[in-house]
N, C-alpha and C. Protein backbone atom coordinates (compact mmCIF):
# COMPACT_ATOMS: atom_id res chain seq x y z
N MET A 1 7.76 -24.61 -0.59
CA MET A 1 8.06 -23.22 -0.37
C MET A 1 7.57 -22.85 1.01
N GLY A 2 8.32 -21.93 1.69
CA GLY A 2 8.01 -21.51 3.06
C GLY A 2 6.96 -20.45 3.10
N LYS A 3 6.71 -20.05 4.36
CA LYS A 3 5.72 -18.97 4.54
C LYS A 3 6.28 -17.63 4.05
N ARG A 4 5.35 -16.75 3.63
CA ARG A 4 5.75 -15.44 3.19
C ARG A 4 6.29 -14.64 4.36
N SER A 5 7.33 -13.84 4.16
CA SER A 5 7.83 -12.99 5.24
C SER A 5 7.55 -11.50 4.88
N LYS A 6 7.03 -11.28 3.67
CA LYS A 6 6.70 -9.93 3.26
C LYS A 6 5.69 -9.92 2.16
N THR A 7 5.09 -8.72 1.90
CA THR A 7 4.21 -8.54 0.76
C THR A 7 4.92 -7.60 -0.17
N PRO A 8 4.67 -7.75 -1.48
CA PRO A 8 5.29 -6.81 -2.43
C PRO A 8 4.74 -5.40 -2.28
N LYS A 9 5.55 -4.44 -2.62
CA LYS A 9 5.09 -3.05 -2.62
C LYS A 9 3.98 -2.90 -3.70
N THR A 10 2.86 -2.41 -3.29
CA THR A 10 1.71 -2.29 -4.20
C THR A 10 1.20 -0.85 -4.13
N ARG A 11 0.96 -0.28 -5.32
CA ARG A 11 0.56 1.09 -5.40
C ARG A 11 -0.85 1.17 -6.02
N PHE A 12 -1.72 2.04 -5.42
CA PHE A 12 -3.03 2.25 -5.89
C PHE A 12 -3.20 3.77 -6.11
N GLU A 13 -4.11 4.14 -7.08
CA GLU A 13 -4.37 5.54 -7.30
C GLU A 13 -5.86 5.73 -7.32
N TYR A 14 -6.24 6.94 -6.93
CA TYR A 14 -7.66 7.37 -6.98
C TYR A 14 -7.74 8.74 -7.66
N LYS A 15 -8.63 8.80 -8.63
CA LYS A 15 -8.77 10.10 -9.34
C LYS A 15 -10.25 10.36 -9.55
N ASP A 16 -10.62 11.62 -9.21
CA ASP A 16 -11.97 12.08 -9.50
C ASP A 16 -11.86 13.57 -9.91
N ALA A 17 -12.97 14.26 -9.97
CA ALA A 17 -12.95 15.67 -10.41
C ALA A 17 -12.18 16.55 -9.46
N LYS A 18 -12.03 16.14 -8.18
CA LYS A 18 -11.43 17.01 -7.19
C LYS A 18 -10.03 16.63 -6.76
N SER A 19 -9.64 15.36 -6.98
CA SER A 19 -8.36 14.89 -6.48
C SER A 19 -7.77 13.82 -7.36
N HIS A 20 -6.43 13.70 -7.20
CA HIS A 20 -5.67 12.58 -7.83
C HIS A 20 -4.60 12.17 -6.79
N LYS A 21 -4.87 11.06 -6.12
CA LYS A 21 -3.99 10.68 -4.99
C LYS A 21 -3.56 9.26 -5.14
N PHE A 22 -2.50 8.91 -4.37
CA PHE A 22 -2.00 7.55 -4.42
C PHE A 22 -1.94 7.00 -2.98
N TRP A 23 -1.83 5.69 -2.93
CA TRP A 23 -1.69 4.95 -1.67
C TRP A 23 -0.86 3.74 -1.98
N GLN A 24 0.18 3.54 -1.21
CA GLN A 24 1.10 2.44 -1.48
C GLN A 24 1.37 1.71 -0.17
N ILE A 25 1.44 0.34 -0.27
CA ILE A 25 1.60 -0.44 0.94
C ILE A 25 2.51 -1.63 0.71
N GLU A 26 3.23 -2.00 1.76
CA GLU A 26 4.05 -3.23 1.73
C GLU A 26 4.29 -3.64 3.17
N SER A 27 4.60 -4.93 3.35
CA SER A 27 5.00 -5.38 4.69
C SER A 27 6.29 -6.10 4.56
N ILE A 28 7.11 -5.92 5.61
CA ILE A 28 8.39 -6.62 5.71
C ILE A 28 8.44 -7.13 7.16
N GLY A 29 8.38 -8.44 7.31
CA GLY A 29 8.29 -8.96 8.65
C GLY A 29 7.04 -8.49 9.34
N SER A 30 7.16 -7.96 10.52
CA SER A 30 5.99 -7.47 11.28
C SER A 30 5.72 -6.00 11.07
N LEU A 31 6.46 -5.35 10.17
CA LEU A 31 6.29 -3.94 9.86
C LEU A 31 5.46 -3.72 8.60
N ILE A 32 4.66 -2.68 8.63
CA ILE A 32 3.88 -2.32 7.46
C ILE A 32 4.21 -0.87 7.09
N ASN A 33 4.64 -0.61 5.86
CA ASN A 33 4.98 0.70 5.37
C ASN A 33 3.83 1.16 4.46
N ILE A 34 3.27 2.34 4.84
CA ILE A 34 2.20 2.90 4.02
C ILE A 34 2.66 4.30 3.63
N ARG A 35 2.62 4.56 2.29
CA ARG A 35 2.91 5.89 1.80
C ARG A 35 1.69 6.37 1.04
N TYR A 36 1.28 7.62 1.28
CA TYR A 36 0.09 8.15 0.58
C TYR A 36 0.24 9.65 0.34
N GLY A 37 -0.52 10.18 -0.57
CA GLY A 37 -0.52 11.60 -0.84
C GLY A 37 -1.02 11.94 -2.23
N LYS A 38 -0.78 13.18 -2.62
CA LYS A 38 -1.11 13.61 -4.01
C LYS A 38 -0.17 13.04 -4.99
N VAL A 39 -0.65 12.58 -6.13
CA VAL A 39 0.18 12.10 -7.21
C VAL A 39 1.13 13.22 -7.61
N GLY A 40 2.41 12.89 -7.79
CA GLY A 40 3.39 13.90 -8.15
C GLY A 40 4.21 14.40 -6.96
N THR A 41 3.79 13.99 -5.75
CA THR A 41 4.57 14.33 -4.53
C THR A 41 5.13 13.05 -3.96
N ASP A 42 6.04 13.22 -2.94
CA ASP A 42 6.56 12.06 -2.24
C ASP A 42 5.57 11.51 -1.25
N GLY A 43 4.55 12.32 -0.84
CA GLY A 43 3.55 11.89 0.10
C GLY A 43 4.09 11.77 1.51
N GLN A 44 3.32 11.12 2.32
CA GLN A 44 3.72 10.90 3.75
C GLN A 44 3.90 9.42 3.96
N LEU A 45 4.75 9.08 4.91
CA LEU A 45 5.00 7.68 5.25
C LEU A 45 4.55 7.37 6.64
N ILE A 46 3.85 6.29 6.79
CA ILE A 46 3.46 5.76 8.09
C ILE A 46 4.09 4.35 8.21
N ILE A 47 4.69 4.06 9.33
CA ILE A 47 5.21 2.74 9.58
C ILE A 47 4.45 2.15 10.77
N LYS A 48 3.79 1.02 10.59
CA LYS A 48 3.01 0.35 11.64
C LYS A 48 3.76 -0.94 12.05
N LYS A 49 3.76 -1.21 13.32
CA LYS A 49 4.31 -2.49 13.83
C LYS A 49 3.16 -3.35 14.26
N THR A 50 3.18 -4.60 13.80
CA THR A 50 2.15 -5.59 14.23
C THR A 50 2.82 -6.64 15.13
N LYS A 51 1.98 -7.51 15.63
CA LYS A 51 2.50 -8.55 16.54
C LYS A 51 3.33 -9.62 15.86
N SER A 52 3.05 -9.83 14.55
CA SER A 52 3.76 -10.92 13.86
C SER A 52 3.76 -10.65 12.32
N THR A 53 4.55 -11.44 11.63
CA THR A 53 4.55 -11.36 10.17
C THR A 53 3.18 -11.72 9.59
N ASP A 54 2.55 -12.76 10.15
CA ASP A 54 1.20 -13.12 9.68
C ASP A 54 0.20 -12.02 9.88
N ALA A 55 0.30 -11.34 11.01
CA ALA A 55 -0.62 -10.24 11.32
C ALA A 55 -0.39 -9.10 10.34
N ALA A 56 0.85 -8.82 9.97
CA ALA A 56 1.12 -7.76 9.02
C ALA A 56 0.56 -8.08 7.65
N ILE A 57 0.78 -9.29 7.21
CA ILE A 57 0.25 -9.74 5.91
C ILE A 57 -1.25 -9.61 5.88
N ALA A 58 -1.94 -10.08 6.97
CA ALA A 58 -3.41 -9.99 7.02
C ALA A 58 -3.84 -8.57 6.99
N GLU A 59 -3.15 -7.70 7.69
CA GLU A 59 -3.53 -6.25 7.71
C GLU A 59 -3.32 -5.62 6.35
N VAL A 60 -2.28 -6.00 5.65
CA VAL A 60 -2.08 -5.44 4.28
C VAL A 60 -3.21 -5.89 3.34
N GLU A 61 -3.54 -7.16 3.41
CA GLU A 61 -4.60 -7.71 2.56
C GLU A 61 -5.94 -7.02 2.86
N LYS A 62 -6.23 -6.84 4.17
CA LYS A 62 -7.45 -6.13 4.56
C LYS A 62 -7.46 -4.68 4.08
N SER A 63 -6.37 -4.01 4.22
CA SER A 63 -6.24 -2.60 3.81
C SER A 63 -6.43 -2.46 2.28
N ILE A 64 -5.84 -3.37 1.51
CA ILE A 64 -6.01 -3.34 0.06
C ILE A 64 -7.45 -3.50 -0.33
N LYS A 65 -8.14 -4.46 0.28
CA LYS A 65 -9.58 -4.68 -0.01
C LYS A 65 -10.35 -3.41 0.27
N SER A 66 -10.04 -2.75 1.38
CA SER A 66 -10.76 -1.53 1.76
C SER A 66 -10.53 -0.42 0.74
N LYS A 67 -9.30 -0.24 0.25
CA LYS A 67 -9.02 0.81 -0.76
C LYS A 67 -9.73 0.53 -2.07
N ILE A 68 -9.75 -0.74 -2.47
CA ILE A 68 -10.44 -1.11 -3.69
C ILE A 68 -11.94 -0.78 -3.58
N LYS A 69 -12.54 -1.05 -2.42
CA LYS A 69 -13.94 -0.74 -2.22
C LYS A 69 -14.20 0.74 -2.31
N LYS A 70 -13.19 1.55 -1.94
CA LYS A 70 -13.35 3.04 -1.96
C LYS A 70 -13.07 3.60 -3.38
N GLY A 71 -12.72 2.73 -4.34
CA GLY A 71 -12.52 3.15 -5.71
C GLY A 71 -11.11 3.32 -6.16
N TYR A 72 -10.15 2.95 -5.33
CA TYR A 72 -8.72 3.02 -5.74
C TYR A 72 -8.46 1.92 -6.78
N LYS A 73 -7.61 2.23 -7.71
CA LYS A 73 -7.25 1.27 -8.78
C LYS A 73 -5.77 0.95 -8.66
N LYS A 74 -5.41 -0.30 -8.87
CA LYS A 74 -4.01 -0.64 -8.84
C LYS A 74 -3.26 -0.01 -9.98
N ASN A 75 -2.11 0.54 -9.71
CA ASN A 75 -1.31 1.22 -10.74
C ASN A 75 -0.34 0.17 -11.34
N TRP A 76 -0.68 -0.32 -12.51
CA TRP A 76 0.14 -1.31 -13.22
C TRP A 76 1.21 -0.64 -14.06
N LYS A 77 1.03 0.63 -14.49
CA LYS A 77 1.89 1.28 -15.46
C LYS A 77 3.20 1.76 -14.89
N ASN A 78 3.15 2.47 -13.78
CA ASN A 78 4.33 3.23 -13.34
C ASN A 78 5.04 2.59 -12.16
N LYS A 79 5.79 1.55 -12.42
CA LYS A 79 6.48 0.85 -11.31
C LYS A 79 7.62 1.69 -10.79
N THR A 80 8.13 2.64 -11.50
CA THR A 80 9.21 3.48 -11.03
C THR A 80 8.81 4.36 -9.85
N GLN A 81 7.53 4.57 -9.68
CA GLN A 81 7.05 5.44 -8.59
C GLN A 81 6.92 4.66 -7.30
N LEU A 82 7.27 3.41 -7.26
CA LEU A 82 7.14 2.59 -6.05
C LEU A 82 8.32 2.74 -5.13
N ASN A 83 8.74 3.96 -4.83
CA ASN A 83 9.90 4.22 -3.95
C ASN A 83 9.50 4.29 -2.52
C-alpha cells in the first residue's frame, strides 16, 4: 500500500456547563480543512496550506492530540454532521 494522501474527516465535541462546541479536521494533499463552532450551527471554516502532504498529516495528528488533551471527545454517533 502507498503513502497516505489524506486523513479522514474527524469530528470532536466538547461540552461543559457553559458551552457545547465541535471541532472537525481533515487533510487532502497539502491542505488542512478545519471547521469549528457551536453544535447545531455550520460553524466557521479555516483552510490551511502546508508544505507537503506529510506535513499536513503530521499537523492533523498533532492538532487532534491537542484537542483530546483539552477535553474534546471524538463524535462516533453522528457521522451525518461531517459536512
